Amino acid sequence: MERIRRRCGYENGIDVGAEGSRGGISLARKAGITVQLNNFSKNHIDVLVKEDNVNQE
């Protein structure tokens, strides 16, 4: 999954590998976004996403 994510132009992300020869999931992100990984499995990736340069009220 990492190779595919990088080929699409995303240096940052979270990859969950496949079981066997197919499948797997990836969450790709742009620079400037903070991602806190909460939990993951072969079927989901649970994260909290924050943009770094956003004014919070």
N, C-alpha and C. Protein backbone atom coordinates (compact mmCIF):
# COMPACT_ATOMS: atom_id res chain seq x y z
N MET A 1 0.81 -1.20 0.00
CA MET A 1 0.00 0.00 0.00
C MET A 1 0.86 1.26 0.00
N GLU A 2 1.97 1.23 0.71
CA GLU A 2 2.82 2.43 0.77
C GLU A 2 3.32 2.81 -0.62
N ARG A 3 3.72 1.82 -1.40
CA ARG A 3 4.23 2.09 -2.75
C ARG A 3 3.16 2.76 -3.61
N ILE A 4 1.94 2.28 -3.54
CA ILE A 4 0.84 2.87 -4.32
C ILE A 4 0.55 4.29 -3.85
N ARG A 5 0.52 4.50 -2.53
CA ARG A 5 0.27 5.83 -1.97
C ARG A 5 1.32 6.81 -2.44
N ARG A 6 2.58 6.42 -2.39
CA ARG A 6 3.67 7.30 -2.83
C ARG A 6 3.61 7.57 -4.33
N ARG A 7 3.23 6.57 -5.10
CA ARG A 7 3.11 6.75 -6.55
C ARG A 7 2.01 7.76 -6.88
N CYS A 8 1.01 7.88 -6.03
CA CYS A 8 -0.07 8.86 -6.22
C CYS A 8 0.31 10.25 -5.72
N GLY A 9 1.53 10.39 -5.17
CA GLY A 9 2.01 11.71 -4.77
C GLY A 9 1.85 12.05 -3.31
N TYR A 10 1.50 11.09 -2.48
CA TYR A 10 1.33 11.33 -1.04
C TYR A 10 2.49 10.72 -0.27
N GLU A 11 3.28 11.56 0.38
CA GLU A 11 4.39 11.08 1.19
C GLU A 11 3.93 10.60 2.55
N ASN A 12 2.84 11.16 3.06
CA ASN A 12 2.37 10.86 4.41
C ASN A 12 1.09 10.03 4.36
N GLY A 13 0.97 9.10 5.30
CA GLY A 13 -0.25 8.33 5.37
C GLY A 13 -0.14 7.17 6.33
N ILE A 14 -1.23 6.45 6.45
CA ILE A 14 -1.31 5.26 7.28
C ILE A 14 -1.74 4.12 6.38
N ASP A 15 -0.97 3.04 6.39
CA ASP A 15 -1.25 1.89 5.54
C ASP A 15 -1.52 0.66 6.38
N VAL A 16 -2.57 -0.08 6.03
CA VAL A 16 -2.87 -1.36 6.66
C VAL A 16 -2.70 -2.41 5.58
N GLY A 17 -1.72 -3.27 5.76
CA GLY A 17 -1.38 -4.25 4.74
C GLY A 17 -2.47 -5.28 4.50
N ALA A 18 -2.36 -5.93 3.36
CA ALA A 18 -3.32 -6.95 2.96
C ALA A 18 -3.01 -8.27 3.65
N GLU A 19 -4.04 -9.08 3.78
CA GLU A 19 -3.86 -10.46 4.19
C GLU A 19 -3.96 -11.28 2.92
N GLY A 20 -2.85 -11.79 2.45
CA GLY A 20 -2.84 -12.48 1.17
C GLY A 20 -2.32 -11.55 0.09
N SER A 21 -2.69 -11.82 -1.15
CA SER A 21 -2.13 -11.07 -2.26
C SER A 21 -2.96 -9.86 -2.69
N ARG A 22 -4.14 -9.67 -2.13
CA ARG A 22 -4.99 -8.55 -2.54
C ARG A 22 -5.55 -7.84 -1.32
N GLY A 23 -5.97 -6.60 -1.57
CA GLY A 23 -6.63 -5.85 -0.51
C GLY A 23 -5.68 -4.91 0.20
N GLY A 24 -6.04 -4.52 1.40
CA GLY A 24 -5.31 -3.52 2.15
C GLY A 24 -6.00 -2.18 2.00
N ILE A 25 -5.78 -1.31 2.97
CA ILE A 25 -6.35 0.03 2.91
C ILE A 25 -5.29 1.04 3.28
N SER A 26 -5.50 2.26 2.84
CA SER A 26 -4.54 3.32 3.08
C SER A 26 -5.29 4.64 3.29
N LEU A 27 -4.79 5.45 4.20
CA LEU A 27 -5.30 6.80 4.40
C LEU A 27 -4.14 7.73 4.06
N ALA A 28 -4.23 8.40 2.93
CA ALA A 28 -3.18 9.32 2.49
C ALA A 28 -3.53 10.73 2.92
N ARG A 29 -2.50 11.54 3.20
CA ARG A 29 -2.76 12.91 3.62
C ARG A 29 -1.71 13.85 3.08
N LYS A 30 -2.11 15.10 2.91
CA LYS A 30 -1.21 16.15 2.47
C LYS A 30 -0.41 16.67 3.65
N ALA A 31 0.70 17.34 3.36
CA ALA A 31 1.47 18.01 4.41
C ALA A 31 0.60 19.11 5.00
N GLY A 32 0.80 19.42 6.27
CA GLY A 32 0.03 20.47 6.92
C GLY A 32 -1.23 19.97 7.60
N ILE A 33 -1.42 18.66 7.61
CA ILE A 33 -2.57 18.06 8.28
C ILE A 33 -2.04 17.07 9.31
N THR A 34 -2.50 17.20 10.55
CA THR A 34 -2.10 16.31 11.62
C THR A 34 -3.15 15.22 11.77
N VAL A 35 -2.69 13.97 11.83
CA VAL A 35 -3.59 12.84 11.97
C VAL A 35 -3.20 12.06 13.21
N GLN A 36 -4.17 11.88 14.11
CA GLN A 36 -3.96 11.07 15.31
C GLN A 36 -4.65 9.73 15.09
N LEU A 37 -3.88 8.66 15.06
CA LEU A 37 -4.43 7.32 14.86
C LEU A 37 -5.06 6.83 16.15
N ASN A 38 -6.35 6.50 16.10
CA ASN A 38 -7.05 5.98 17.27
C ASN A 38 -7.09 4.46 17.27
N ASN A 39 -7.41 3.86 16.11
CA ASN A 39 -7.57 2.42 16.02
C ASN A 39 -7.55 2.03 14.55
N PHE A 40 -7.23 0.76 14.28
CA PHE A 40 -7.31 0.28 12.91
C PHE A 40 -7.47 -1.23 12.90
N SER A 41 -7.97 -1.73 11.80
CA SER A 41 -8.05 -3.17 11.54
C SER A 41 -7.92 -3.34 10.03
N LYS A 42 -8.11 -4.56 9.55
CA LYS A 42 -8.03 -4.78 8.10
C LYS A 42 -9.20 -4.13 7.36
N ASN A 43 -10.24 -3.70 8.11
CA ASN A 43 -11.44 -3.12 7.50
C ASN A 43 -11.64 -1.64 7.74
N HIS A 44 -10.88 -1.02 8.66
CA HIS A 44 -11.11 0.40 8.94
C HIS A 44 -9.85 1.06 9.49
N ILE A 45 -9.80 2.38 9.36
CA ILE A 45 -8.78 3.22 9.99
C ILE A 45 -9.53 4.35 10.68
N ASP A 46 -9.40 4.44 12.01
CA ASP A 46 -10.10 5.45 12.81
C ASP A 46 -9.09 6.51 13.23
N VAL A 47 -9.28 7.76 12.76
CA VAL A 47 -8.34 8.84 13.05
C VAL A 47 -9.07 10.11 13.46
N LEU A 48 -8.33 11.00 14.10
CA LEU A 48 -8.77 12.37 14.36
C LEU A 48 -7.91 13.26 13.48
N VAL A 49 -8.53 14.09 12.64
CA VAL A 49 -7.81 14.92 11.68
C VAL A 49 -7.88 16.37 12.10
N LYS A 50 -6.71 17.05 12.10
CA LYS A 50 -6.64 18.48 12.41
C LYS A 50 -5.80 19.16 11.35
N GLU A 51 -6.31 20.28 10.82
CA GLU A 51 -5.51 21.09 9.91
C GLU A 51 -4.65 22.01 10.75
N ASP A 52 -3.37 22.10 10.44
CA ASP A 52 -2.41 22.83 11.26
C ASP A 52 -2.63 24.34 11.27
N ASN A 53 -2.94 24.96 10.17
CA ASN A 53 -3.02 26.42 10.08
C ASN A 53 -4.45 26.93 10.04
N VAL A 54 -5.29 26.44 10.92
CA VAL A 54 -6.68 26.87 10.98
C VAL A 54 -6.92 27.53 12.33
N ASN A 55 -7.49 28.73 12.31
CA ASN A 55 -7.82 29.43 13.56
C ASN A 55 -9.03 28.77 14.20
N GLN A 56 -8.88 28.37 15.45
CA GLN A 56 -9.98 27.75 16.17
C GLN A 56 -10.64 28.78 17.07
N GLU A 57 -11.95 28.78 17.11
CA GLU A 57 -12.70 29.75 17.91
C GLU A 57 -13.10 29.14 19.23
